[in-house]
Amino acid sequence: MSIAVRFDGIVKEFGPVRVLHGVSFDLAPGRVYGLLGENGAGKSTLMKILSGYERPTGGTLHIDGEPRSFKSSRDAEAAGIVLIHQEFNLAEDLTITQNIFLGHERKRGWWLDEAAMRADTLRVLRQVGLDKDPDTPVRHLIVAEKQLVEIAKALARNARLLIMDEPTASLTPGETEALFTLMARLQADGVTIVYISHKLDEVERTTDDVIVMRDGRFVTRQPTRELTRHQMATLMVGREISDLYPDKDPAPTGAVPLLRVEGLTVPGWAADIAFDVKPGEILGFAGLVGAGRTELFEGLLGLRPHQVGRIELEGRAIRIRNPRDAVDQGITYLSEDRKGKGLHVGFGLRENLTLMALETYATPWLKPGAETRALKTAVQDFGIRTGSLDVKAASLSGGNQQKLALAKVLHPEPKVVILDEPTRGVDVGAKRDIYFLIQRLAREGRGVVVVSSELMELVGLCHRVAVMRGGRLRAMVDAQHLTEEELISHATGTNQRDQANGDKPSEEESMTAGR
């Protein structure tokens, strides 16, 4: 079952840009490695070489002592090496079973063995804790469920070396615990695991060794038990990391709300929601996966069917029928799904940045020079790491794609900024940059809404946090009471004050909280 790997002087170039500079280290069989580094450090590129998605420009990959050169991911999977991508690699219109066996279909004679594939799908879904019919189309799944399907797909390949790239980014605490239990079981069976994550508490808890990369180079490998999280972060960025969150400004008082929403309903997801955001305020939205937070704001922006009693901006009633209306009114939204809804990854950086402000750059003719100047400014202001301005967004690392998406939604200079999972898949240094950016937006008098599954993020940033459960707003927690425990108790329905008021979780909600 075990597999050993050695990288010997691995070089990777994309045209004139070198992203890996002679990387050399080895992976012993049957261990769990935390692979750390800032966005653009080369982690994902190196793992794509190991899993057959890319071929090295130079150097040698050794598997179990033998030089290997994989021609494709299918070639690597035949050797027992499977990569779970950070960005989903699923066919939305196919079922769960069809996705898990896509390209690896089972046959009985001339015919597909549907029964065997369905039975195996049920087996791996049980392993990852996903209670779904295997015949469910993937497009009907929420983000967290798609992540579990990706993990199940890897298990169906009988991996001897499993690479997990940000696997818990969209999972609930219960689902994350189930994944850690699964990892321990796989390691006990001899599987080597490479765990790429920016959540240093998870790396500290689950890994045997930490490997750090920086600027396309190997930095160090050390036993996890010998490093603190602070030391890990310092090794990643190559400098001392100061406080992660900015000092919180006093909550604005007495001001007329910048945005007021009353009676917002998104059928099947959110019912009769009301909230407001003041100028200079950072308002958080917390809740378990499936609570309806993302769907609520997609409804507000006209991305989903909805009904609303009243929307006010700076005290005047407005109407939002679609995202263009929202931008015209001064409201912008960063989607949690940067690849599917945030960016056109097949477009260039310049085209992505200016897409929401084309009136500025295409009236009456397109002004590529002005677009390029704007891109140069955004690259500097947002710290977007790219070897060239003339590349497609798909060529950027996940974290740098997130920075580009932020630059894009802020480019029209909105009054209200709604950020859904703004630091998902982002390294600790970039997280700090984004947190200080959010504070700067609030200090400029904008209203900022942060939807996040990371409770400490909400506690560290926000003046107030709205907690949703089961499609309803269950609590509004002010700064004086903001703790992880307070938020999770409202999100799960275990808060004693909520229960005293008759707000108890349903049986379904209780099961979800315990997953």
Protein backbone atom coordinates (compact mmCIF):
# COMPACT_ATOMS: atom_id res chain seq x y z
CA MET A 1 0.00 0.00 0.00
CA SER A 2 2.83 2.44 0.83
CA ILE A 3 4.44 4.74 -1.71
CA ALA A 4 7.64 6.82 -1.47
CA VAL A 5 8.37 9.96 -3.50
CA ARG A 6 11.51 11.99 -4.21
CA PHE A 7 11.61 15.31 -6.04
CA ASP A 8 15.08 15.84 -7.50
CA GLY A 9 15.76 19.36 -8.81
CA ILE A 10 12.23 19.90 -10.17
CA VAL A 11 11.95 22.95 -12.44
CA LYS A 12 8.73 24.21 -14.02
CA GLU A 13 8.42 27.06 -16.49
CA PHE A 14 5.30 28.51 -18.08
CA GLY A 15 6.73 30.30 -21.10
CA PRO A 16 9.27 32.82 -19.80
CA VAL A 17 8.01 32.53 -16.21
CA ARG A 18 9.79 30.06 -13.90
CA VAL A 19 7.53 28.99 -11.03
CA LEU A 20 9.62 26.12 -9.59
CA HIS A 21 13.36 26.56 -9.05
CA GLY A 22 15.06 23.18 -8.59
CA VAL A 23 12.83 21.78 -5.83
CA SER A 24 14.27 18.75 -4.01
CA PHE A 25 12.84 16.81 -1.05
CA ASP A 26 11.29 13.41 -0.38
CA LEU A 27 8.10 11.97 1.06
CA ALA A 28 8.36 8.86 3.19
CA PRO A 29 5.56 6.31 2.84
CA GLY A 30 2.61 6.22 5.22
CA ARG A 31 3.04 9.71 6.69
CA VAL A 32 0.85 12.82 6.62
CA TYR A 33 2.64 15.94 5.37
CA GLY A 34 1.46 19.52 5.68
CA LEU A 35 2.59 21.43 2.57
CA LEU A 36 2.66 25.15 3.38
CA GLY A 37 3.45 28.31 1.48
CA GLU A 38 1.98 31.61 0.40
CA ASN A 39 -0.21 31.82 -2.68
CA GLY A 40 2.10 31.52 -5.67
CA ALA A 41 4.77 29.61 -3.70
CA GLY A 42 4.51 26.70 -6.15
CA LYS A 43 2.73 24.15 -3.93
CA SER A 44 -0.12 23.35 -6.30
CA THR A 45 2.16 23.31 -9.37
CA LEU A 46 4.49 20.80 -7.70
CA MET A 47 1.56 18.59 -6.71
CA LYS A 48 0.14 18.77 -10.25
CA ILE A 49 3.49 17.44 -11.50
CA LEU A 50 3.31 14.62 -8.95
CA SER A 51 -0.26 13.78 -10.00
CA GLY A 52 0.30 13.95 -13.77
CA TYR A 53 -1.53 17.20 -14.58
CA GLU A 54 1.72 18.98 -15.46
CA ARG A 55 5.12 17.79 -16.68
CA PRO A 56 8.33 19.26 -15.26
CA THR A 57 10.57 21.43 -17.40
CA GLY A 58 13.60 19.95 -15.64
CA GLY A 59 14.55 17.57 -12.82
CA THR A 60 13.39 14.05 -12.03
CA LEU A 61 10.47 12.58 -10.14
CA HIS A 62 11.18 9.28 -8.39
CA ILE A 63 8.40 6.92 -7.26
CA ASP A 64 9.46 4.03 -5.02
CA GLY A 65 13.05 4.63 -6.12
CA GLU A 66 12.32 4.56 -9.86
CA PRO A 67 12.33 7.63 -12.16
CA ARG A 68 8.81 8.31 -13.44
CA SER A 69 7.28 10.73 -15.94
CA PHE A 70 3.50 10.72 -15.93
CA LYS A 71 1.86 11.62 -19.23
CA SER A 72 -1.52 12.36 -17.64
CA SER A 73 -3.45 12.28 -14.39
CA ARG A 74 -4.86 8.91 -15.45
CA ASP A 75 -1.27 7.62 -15.68
CA ALA A 76 -0.57 8.89 -12.14
CA GLU A 77 -3.82 7.41 -10.81
CA ALA A 78 -2.77 4.04 -12.21
CA ALA A 79 0.31 4.38 -9.99
CA GLY A 80 -1.92 5.15 -6.99
CA ILE A 81 -1.45 8.94 -6.87
CA VAL A 82 -4.63 11.01 -6.70
CA LEU A 83 -5.11 14.78 -6.37
CA ILE A 84 -8.21 16.36 -4.84
CA HIS A 85 -8.30 19.79 -6.48
CA GLN A 86 -8.82 23.03 -4.60
CA GLU A 87 -11.21 24.09 -7.36
CA PHE A 88 -13.91 21.53 -8.09
CA ASN A 89 -13.31 19.26 -11.07
CA LEU A 90 -16.86 18.00 -11.48
CA ALA A 91 -19.30 17.79 -14.40
CA GLU A 92 -22.34 19.69 -13.13
CA ASP A 93 -24.92 17.93 -15.36
CA LEU A 94 -23.80 14.40 -14.46
CA THR A 95 -24.87 12.46 -11.39
CA ILE A 96 -22.65 11.77 -8.39
CA THR A 97 -22.04 8.22 -9.61
CA GLN A 98 -21.21 9.37 -13.13
CA ASN A 99 -18.75 11.93 -11.76
CA ILE A 100 -17.01 9.46 -9.48
CA PHE A 101 -16.46 6.96 -12.30
CA LEU A 102 -15.99 9.43 -15.17
CA GLY A 103 -13.17 8.00 -17.29
CA HIS A 104 -13.04 4.92 -15.04
CA GLU A 105 -16.38 3.35 -15.88
CA ARG A 106 -16.99 -0.26 -14.82
CA LYS A 107 -18.21 -2.63 -17.50
CA ARG A 108 -19.85 -6.02 -17.65
CA GLY A 109 -19.13 -7.30 -21.12
CA TRP A 110 -20.19 -4.61 -23.58
CA TRP A 111 -22.40 -2.76 -21.10
CA LEU A 112 -21.77 -0.37 -18.23
CA ASP A 113 -22.12 -2.05 -14.85
CA GLU A 114 -24.47 0.56 -13.37
CA ALA A 115 -25.26 -1.51 -10.28
CA ALA A 116 -21.61 -2.03 -9.33
CA MET A 117 -20.77 1.65 -9.81
CA ARG A 118 -23.78 2.74 -7.79
CA ALA A 119 -22.89 0.33 -4.97
CA ASP A 120 -19.29 1.58 -4.89
CA THR A 121 -20.53 5.18 -4.90
CA LEU A 122 -22.70 4.48 -1.87
CA ARG A 123 -19.66 2.95 -0.14
CA VAL A 124 -17.37 5.96 -0.66
CA LEU A 125 -20.17 8.43 0.14
CA ARG A 126 -20.64 6.69 3.48
CA GLN A 127 -16.88 6.95 4.07
CA VAL A 128 -16.97 10.74 3.67
CA GLY A 129 -20.27 11.14 5.54
CA LEU A 130 -22.39 12.40 2.64
CA ASP A 131 -25.99 11.17 2.80
CA LYS A 132 -27.08 11.70 -0.80
CA ASP A 133 -28.68 9.57 -3.49
CA PRO A 134 -25.90 8.57 -5.95
CA ASP A 135 -28.25 9.49 -8.81
CA THR A 136 -28.40 13.16 -7.70
CA PRO A 137 -27.08 15.57 -10.37
CA VAL A 138 -24.04 17.45 -9.05
CA ARG A 139 -25.60 20.80 -9.99
CA HIS A 140 -28.16 20.21 -7.20
CA LEU A 141 -25.46 20.00 -4.50
CA ILE A 142 -24.26 22.85 -2.33
CA VAL A 143 -20.56 23.73 -2.25
CA ALA A 144 -19.74 21.63 0.83
CA GLU A 145 -21.41 18.56 -0.69
CA LYS A 146 -19.43 19.00 -3.91
CA GLN A 147 -16.24 19.03 -1.83
CA LEU A 148 -17.22 15.70 -0.25
CA VAL A 149 -17.92 14.25 -3.71
CA GLU A 150 -14.38 15.24 -4.76
CA ILE A 151 -12.98 13.39 -1.75
CA ALA A 152 -15.20 10.38 -2.44
CA LYS A 153 -14.01 10.34 -6.05
CA ALA A 154 -10.41 10.11 -4.85
CA LEU A 155 -11.25 7.24 -2.49
CA ALA A 156 -12.84 5.32 -5.36
CA ARG A 157 -9.46 5.39 -7.13
CA ASN A 158 -7.85 3.35 -4.31
CA ALA A 159 -5.14 5.96 -3.76
CA ARG A 160 -1.77 5.01 -2.27
CA LEU A 161 -0.75 8.68 -2.15
CA LEU A 162 -3.55 11.20 -1.65
CA ILE A 163 -3.03 14.94 -2.19
CA MET A 164 -5.65 17.18 -0.55
CA ASP A 165 -5.62 20.83 -1.65
CA GLU A 166 -7.66 22.96 0.81
CA PRO A 167 -10.17 20.12 1.47
CA THR A 168 -11.99 21.77 4.41
CA ALA A 169 -12.47 25.24 2.88
CA SER A 170 -16.24 24.76 2.57
CA LEU A 171 -16.96 22.05 5.17
CA THR A 172 -18.87 22.37 8.43
CA PRO A 173 -17.03 21.63 11.70
CA GLY A 174 -18.76 18.25 11.82
CA GLU A 175 -17.78 17.37 8.26
CA THR A 176 -14.22 18.50 8.97
CA GLU A 177 -14.04 16.15 11.96
CA ALA A 178 -15.29 13.30 9.80
CA LEU A 179 -12.57 14.06 7.25
CA PHE A 180 -9.87 13.98 9.95
CA THR A 181 -11.15 10.60 11.14
CA LEU A 182 -11.03 9.35 7.55
CA MET A 183 -7.46 10.63 7.14
CA ALA A 184 -6.36 8.77 10.26
CA ARG A 185 -7.94 5.58 8.93
CA LEU A 186 -6.25 5.98 5.55
CA GLN A 187 -2.88 6.56 7.19
CA ALA A 188 -3.37 3.44 9.30
CA ASP A 189 -3.89 1.57 6.02
CA GLY A 190 -0.53 2.86 4.77
CA VAL A 191 -1.70 5.74 2.56
CA THR A 192 0.69 8.69 2.24
CA ILE A 193 -1.17 12.02 2.49
CA VAL A 194 -0.07 15.49 1.39
CA TYR A 195 -2.32 18.06 3.07
CA ILE A 196 -2.23 21.58 1.59
CA SER A 197 -4.00 24.09 3.81
CA HIS A 198 -3.78 27.65 5.03
CA LYS A 199 -5.59 26.65 8.23
CA LEU A 200 -2.58 26.17 10.46
CA ASP A 201 -4.60 24.74 13.34
CA GLU A 202 -5.63 21.86 11.05
CA VAL A 203 -2.04 21.33 9.91
CA GLU A 204 -0.89 21.30 13.53
CA ARG A 205 -3.52 18.73 14.44
CA THR A 206 -3.41 16.31 11.51
CA THR A 207 0.13 16.15 10.12
CA ASP A 208 3.39 14.40 11.06
CA ASP A 209 5.72 16.78 9.21
CA VAL A 210 5.53 20.27 7.77
CA ILE A 211 7.13 21.13 4.42
CA VAL A 212 7.43 24.84 3.60
CA MET A 213 7.85 26.34 0.11
CA ARG A 214 8.46 29.98 -0.74
CA ASP A 215 8.79 31.67 -4.14
CA GLY A 216 9.00 28.34 -5.96
CA ARG A 217 11.74 26.94 -3.71
CA PHE A 218 11.93 24.36 -0.95
CA VAL A 219 12.55 26.07 2.42
CA THR A 220 12.41 23.42 5.12
CA ARG A 221 10.88 20.18 6.38
CA GLN A 222 10.40 19.79 10.12
CA PRO A 223 8.34 17.60 12.47
CA THR A 224 5.01 19.32 13.11
CA ARG A 225 5.32 18.89 16.87
CA GLU A 226 8.45 21.09 16.87
CA LEU A 227 6.71 24.11 15.28
CA THR A 228 4.13 26.55 16.62
CA ARG A 229 1.54 28.04 14.28
CA HIS A 230 3.32 31.38 14.54
CA GLN A 231 6.59 29.76 13.45
CA MET A 232 4.81 28.09 10.52
CA ALA A 233 3.41 31.43 9.37
CA THR A 234 6.80 33.12 9.69
CA LEU A 235 8.48 30.39 7.61
CA MET A 236 5.80 30.73 4.93
CA VAL A 237 6.13 34.47 4.41
CA GLY A 238 9.84 34.82 5.22
CA ARG A 239 9.25 37.58 7.74
CA GLU A 240 7.76 38.04 11.18
CA ILE A 241 3.95 38.06 11.14
CA SER A 242 2.44 40.64 13.49
CA ASP A 243 -1.15 40.61 14.71
CA LEU A 244 -3.45 39.01 12.15
CA TYR A 245 -6.44 41.28 12.71
CA PRO A 246 -6.39 45.09 12.74
CA ASP A 247 -7.41 46.90 15.91
CA LYS A 248 -11.18 47.11 15.80
CA ASP A 249 -12.60 50.63 15.42
CA PRO A 250 -15.57 51.65 17.60
CA ALA A 251 -18.93 50.63 16.17
CA PRO A 252 -20.66 53.50 14.35
CA THR A 253 -23.60 54.91 16.32
CA GLY A 254 -26.50 57.14 15.46
CA ALA A 255 -25.92 57.14 11.72
CA VAL A 256 -28.69 56.55 9.19
CA PRO A 257 -28.16 53.02 7.81
CA LEU A 258 -26.34 52.95 4.52
CA LEU A 259 -28.30 49.82 3.53
CA ARG A 260 -31.56 48.62 5.03
CA VAL A 261 -33.30 45.41 3.96
CA GLU A 262 -36.76 44.37 5.16
CA GLY A 263 -38.77 41.22 4.47
CA LEU A 264 -36.28 39.50 2.13
CA THR A 265 -37.34 35.95 1.23
CA VAL A 266 -35.52 33.54 -1.07
CA PRO A 267 -37.86 30.56 -1.58
CA GLY A 268 -36.39 27.36 -0.15
CA TRP A 269 -33.46 29.16 1.47
CA ALA A 270 -34.31 32.25 3.51
CA ALA A 271 -37.51 33.64 5.00
CA ASP A 272 -38.43 37.20 6.04
CA ILE A 273 -34.90 38.47 6.72
CA ALA A 274 -34.31 42.05 7.89
CA PHE A 275 -30.98 43.77 8.59
CA ASP A 276 -29.17 47.05 8.14
CA VAL A 277 -25.57 48.20 7.70
CA LYS A 278 -24.33 51.61 8.81
CA PRO A 279 -21.59 53.66 7.14
CA GLY A 280 -18.23 52.47 8.44
CA GLU A 281 -19.68 49.24 9.86
CA ILE A 282 -18.45 45.69 9.28
CA LEU A 283 -21.45 43.36 9.64
CA GLY A 284 -20.84 39.63 9.72
CA PHE A 285 -23.14 36.76 8.75
CA ALA A 286 -22.55 33.41 10.47
CA GLY A 287 -24.27 30.04 10.23
CA LEU A 288 -23.71 26.41 9.41
CA VAL A 289 -23.42 25.27 5.80
CA GLY A 290 -26.97 25.22 4.41
CA ALA A 291 -28.20 27.99 6.73
CA GLY A 292 -29.05 30.13 3.69
CA ARG A 293 -26.44 32.91 3.98
CA THR A 294 -25.07 32.76 0.43
CA GLU A 295 -28.52 32.21 -1.07
CA LEU A 296 -29.85 35.21 0.88
CA PHE A 297 -27.39 37.59 -0.73
CA GLU A 298 -27.70 35.97 -4.15
CA GLY A 299 -31.41 36.74 -3.82
CA LEU A 300 -30.74 40.32 -2.74
CA LEU A 301 -28.54 40.85 -5.81
CA GLY A 302 -31.13 39.34 -8.18
CA LEU A 303 -29.19 36.13 -8.81
CA ARG A 304 -32.05 34.03 -7.40
CA PRO A 305 -35.84 34.41 -7.40
CA HIS A 306 -36.85 36.40 -4.34
CA GLN A 307 -39.43 38.64 -2.73
CA VAL A 308 -38.55 41.68 -0.67
CA GLY A 309 -40.57 44.16 1.34
CA ARG A 310 -38.24 47.14 1.03
CA ILE A 311 -34.60 47.95 0.23
CA GLU A 312 -33.22 51.36 1.18
CA LEU A 313 -29.84 52.84 0.24
CA GLU A 314 -28.90 56.00 2.14
CA GLY A 315 -32.53 56.38 3.20
CA ARG A 316 -34.13 56.13 -0.25
CA ALA A 317 -36.04 53.14 -1.59
CA ILE A 318 -34.35 51.26 -4.41
CA ARG A 319 -35.14 48.25 -6.58
CA ILE A 320 -32.66 45.52 -7.52
CA ARG A 321 -33.69 43.19 -10.33
CA ASN A 322 -30.25 41.91 -11.29
CA PRO A 323 -26.55 42.38 -10.41
CA ARG A 324 -26.24 45.26 -12.89
CA ASP A 325 -28.92 47.18 -10.98
CA ALA A 326 -27.01 46.54 -7.78
CA VAL A 327 -23.72 47.84 -9.22
CA ASP A 328 -25.48 50.91 -10.63
CA GLN A 329 -26.90 51.62 -7.16
CA GLY A 330 -23.48 51.19 -5.52
CA ILE A 331 -23.75 47.64 -4.14
CA THR A 332 -21.22 44.98 -5.10
CA TYR A 333 -20.92 41.27 -4.28
CA LEU A 334 -17.95 38.91 -4.16
CA SER A 335 -19.15 35.32 -4.68
CA GLU A 336 -17.79 32.45 -2.59
CA ASP A 337 -17.32 30.54 -5.87
CA ARG A 338 -14.57 32.60 -7.50
CA LYS A 339 -14.06 30.13 -10.37
CA GLY A 340 -17.73 29.60 -11.22
CA LYS A 341 -19.22 33.04 -10.46
CA GLY A 342 -16.41 35.42 -9.49
CA LEU A 343 -14.03 35.36 -12.44
CA HIS A 344 -13.95 34.41 -16.11
CA VAL A 345 -10.80 32.29 -15.75
CA GLY A 346 -10.47 31.96 -19.52
CA PHE A 347 -10.17 35.76 -19.82
CA GLY A 348 -7.07 37.84 -19.20
CA LEU A 349 -6.38 39.73 -15.97
CA ARG A 350 -7.20 43.07 -17.60
CA GLU A 351 -10.56 41.92 -18.96
CA ASN A 352 -11.56 40.47 -15.59
CA LEU A 353 -10.62 43.60 -13.64
CA THR A 354 -12.57 46.06 -15.79
CA LEU A 355 -15.60 43.91 -16.60
CA MET A 356 -17.84 45.65 -14.04
CA ALA A 357 -16.75 49.14 -15.13
CA LEU A 358 -16.89 48.90 -18.92
CA GLU A 359 -18.62 52.29 -19.19
CA THR A 360 -15.30 53.81 -18.09
CA TYR A 361 -13.13 51.81 -20.50
CA ALA A 362 -15.38 51.28 -23.54
CA THR A 363 -17.13 54.58 -24.21
CA PRO A 364 -17.31 54.87 -27.14
CA TRP A 365 -14.30 52.65 -27.93
CA LEU A 366 -12.33 50.18 -25.85
CA LYS A 367 -9.30 51.80 -24.18
CA PRO A 368 -6.76 49.00 -23.61
CA GLY A 369 -4.11 51.46 -22.44
CA ALA A 370 -6.35 52.70 -19.63
CA GLU A 371 -7.24 49.10 -18.74
CA THR A 372 -3.56 48.17 -18.52
CA ARG A 373 -2.82 51.15 -16.25
CA ALA A 374 -5.71 50.13 -14.00
CA LEU A 375 -4.41 46.56 -13.88
CA LYS A 376 -0.91 47.71 -12.91
CA THR A 377 -2.40 49.71 -10.04
CA ALA A 378 -4.55 46.76 -8.89
CA VAL A 379 -1.61 44.34 -9.02
CA GLN A 380 0.33 46.68 -6.75
CA ASP A 381 -2.54 47.62 -4.40
CA PHE A 382 -3.84 44.07 -3.93
CA GLY A 383 -0.49 42.26 -4.05
CA ILE A 384 -1.44 40.05 -7.01
CA ARG A 385 1.56 37.86 -7.82
CA THR A 386 1.93 37.22 -11.55
CA GLY A 387 4.95 36.89 -13.78
CA SER A 388 3.19 38.79 -16.58
CA LEU A 389 0.15 41.02 -16.97
CA ASP A 390 -0.69 39.29 -20.27
CA VAL A 391 -1.87 35.96 -18.87
CA LYS A 392 -5.27 34.37 -18.29
CA ALA A 393 -6.80 34.37 -14.82
CA ALA A 394 -6.64 30.56 -14.87
CA SER A 395 -2.83 30.76 -14.67
CA LEU A 396 -2.92 32.44 -11.24
CA SER A 397 -2.82 30.51 -7.99
CA GLY A 398 -6.10 30.23 -6.09
CA GLY A 399 -5.19 32.97 -3.65
CA ASN A 400 -4.13 35.37 -6.39
CA GLN A 401 -7.37 34.66 -8.23
CA GLN A 402 -9.15 35.70 -5.02
CA LYS A 403 -7.20 38.96 -4.92
CA LEU A 404 -8.11 39.63 -8.56
CA ALA A 405 -11.77 38.94 -7.77
CA LEU A 406 -11.61 41.43 -4.89
CA ALA A 407 -9.99 44.04 -7.12
CA LYS A 408 -12.71 43.46 -9.72
CA VAL A 409 -15.70 43.98 -7.40
CA LEU A 410 -14.11 47.03 -5.76
CA HIS A 411 -13.14 48.67 -9.05
CA PRO A 412 -16.53 50.43 -9.54
CA GLU A 413 -16.04 52.17 -6.13
CA PRO A 414 -19.17 50.76 -4.41
CA LYS A 415 -20.87 52.17 -1.31
CA VAL A 416 -21.80 48.72 0.06
CA VAL A 417 -19.47 45.73 -0.27
CA ILE A 418 -20.75 42.18 0.32
CA LEU A 419 -17.91 39.64 0.63
CA ASP A 420 -18.84 35.94 0.71
CA GLU A 421 -15.97 33.82 2.16
CA PRO A 422 -13.39 36.49 1.24
CA THR A 423 -10.38 34.50 2.53
CA ARG A 424 -11.31 31.03 1.35
CA GLY A 425 -8.15 29.28 0.12
CA VAL A 426 -5.95 32.27 0.98
CA ASP A 427 -2.65 32.03 2.89
CA VAL A 428 -2.06 33.68 6.25
CA GLY A 429 -0.13 36.63 4.83
CA ALA A 430 -2.81 37.37 2.24
CA LYS A 431 -5.53 36.92 4.89
CA ARG A 432 -3.95 39.68 6.93
CA ASP A 433 -3.83 41.91 3.84
CA ILE A 434 -7.53 41.27 3.16
CA TYR A 435 -8.50 41.95 6.80
CA PHE A 436 -6.74 45.32 6.72
CA LEU A 437 -8.36 46.05 3.34
CA ILE A 438 -11.79 45.38 4.87
CA GLN A 439 -10.99 47.77 7.71
CA ARG A 440 -9.85 50.40 5.18
CA LEU A 441 -13.13 50.06 3.26
CA ALA A 442 -15.08 50.64 6.49
CA ARG A 443 -12.92 53.63 7.44
CA GLU A 444 -13.72 55.15 4.05
CA GLY A 445 -17.38 55.15 5.12
CA ARG A 446 -18.53 52.14 3.15
CA GLY A 447 -20.77 49.46 4.58
CA VAL A 448 -19.11 46.04 4.56
CA VAL A 449 -20.89 42.68 4.91
CA VAL A 450 -18.68 39.64 5.55
CA VAL A 451 -20.21 36.16 5.12
CA SER A 452 -17.80 33.63 6.60
CA SER A 453 -17.63 30.08 7.94
CA GLU A 454 -14.54 31.00 9.99
CA LEU A 455 -15.94 32.20 13.30
CA MET A 456 -12.66 33.72 14.51
CA GLU A 457 -12.62 35.79 11.33
CA LEU A 458 -16.01 37.25 12.22
CA VAL A 459 -15.03 37.78 15.87
CA GLY A 460 -11.77 39.48 14.87
CA LEU A 461 -13.28 41.81 12.24
CA CYS A 462 -16.92 42.62 12.82
CA HIS A 463 -18.87 45.16 14.85
CA ARG A 464 -21.97 42.94 14.81
CA VAL A 465 -22.69 39.42 13.56
CA ALA A 466 -26.04 38.15 12.30
CA VAL A 467 -26.49 34.42 12.87
CA MET A 468 -28.69 32.38 10.52
CA ARG A 469 -30.10 28.92 11.05
CA GLY A 470 -32.59 27.04 8.90
CA GLY A 471 -33.12 30.02 6.59
CA ARG A 472 -34.01 32.48 9.36
CA LEU A 473 -32.13 35.19 11.22
CA ARG A 474 -31.84 33.81 14.75
CA ALA A 475 -29.66 36.38 16.52
CA MET A 476 -27.79 39.66 16.10
CA VAL A 477 -24.68 39.55 18.33
CA ASP A 478 -23.00 42.86 19.20
CA ALA A 479 -19.28 43.42 19.72
CA GLN A 480 -19.45 43.01 23.51
CA HIS A 481 -20.73 39.44 23.21
CA LEU A 482 -18.77 38.28 20.15
CA THR A 483 -17.12 34.94 20.89
CA GLU A 484 -16.85 31.70 18.96
CA GLU A 485 -18.94 29.96 21.61
CA GLU A 486 -21.73 32.55 21.40
CA LEU A 487 -21.92 32.32 17.59
CA ILE A 488 -21.87 28.53 17.41
CA SER A 489 -24.53 28.25 20.12
CA HIS A 490 -26.92 30.42 18.06
CA ALA A 491 -25.97 28.64 14.82
CA THR A 492 -26.73 25.21 16.27
CA GLY A 493 -29.78 26.24 18.31
CA THR A 494 -28.17 25.38 21.64
CA ASN A 495 -28.14 28.92 23.03
CA GLN A 496 -30.13 28.92 26.25
CA ARG A 497 -31.69 32.35 25.64
CA ASP A 498 -32.89 31.20 22.22
CA GLN A 499 -34.42 28.05 23.70
CA ALA A 500 -36.07 30.02 26.50
CA ASN A 501 -37.78 32.08 23.77
CA GLY A 502 -39.02 28.91 22.08
CA ASP A 503 -36.44 28.92 19.32
CA LYS A 504 -35.31 25.29 19.35
CA PRO A 505 -33.53 23.47 16.51
CA SER A 506 -35.50 21.04 14.40
CA GLU A 507 -34.47 17.39 14.27
CA GLU A 508 -32.87 18.02 10.85
CA GLU A 509 -30.90 21.01 12.18
CA SER A 510 -29.69 19.00 15.17
CA MET A 511 -28.43 16.26 12.84
CA THR A 512 -26.69 18.85 10.63
CA ALA A 513 -24.94 20.44 13.60
CA GLY A 514 -23.63 17.08 14.74
CA ARG A 515 -22.28 15.93 11.39
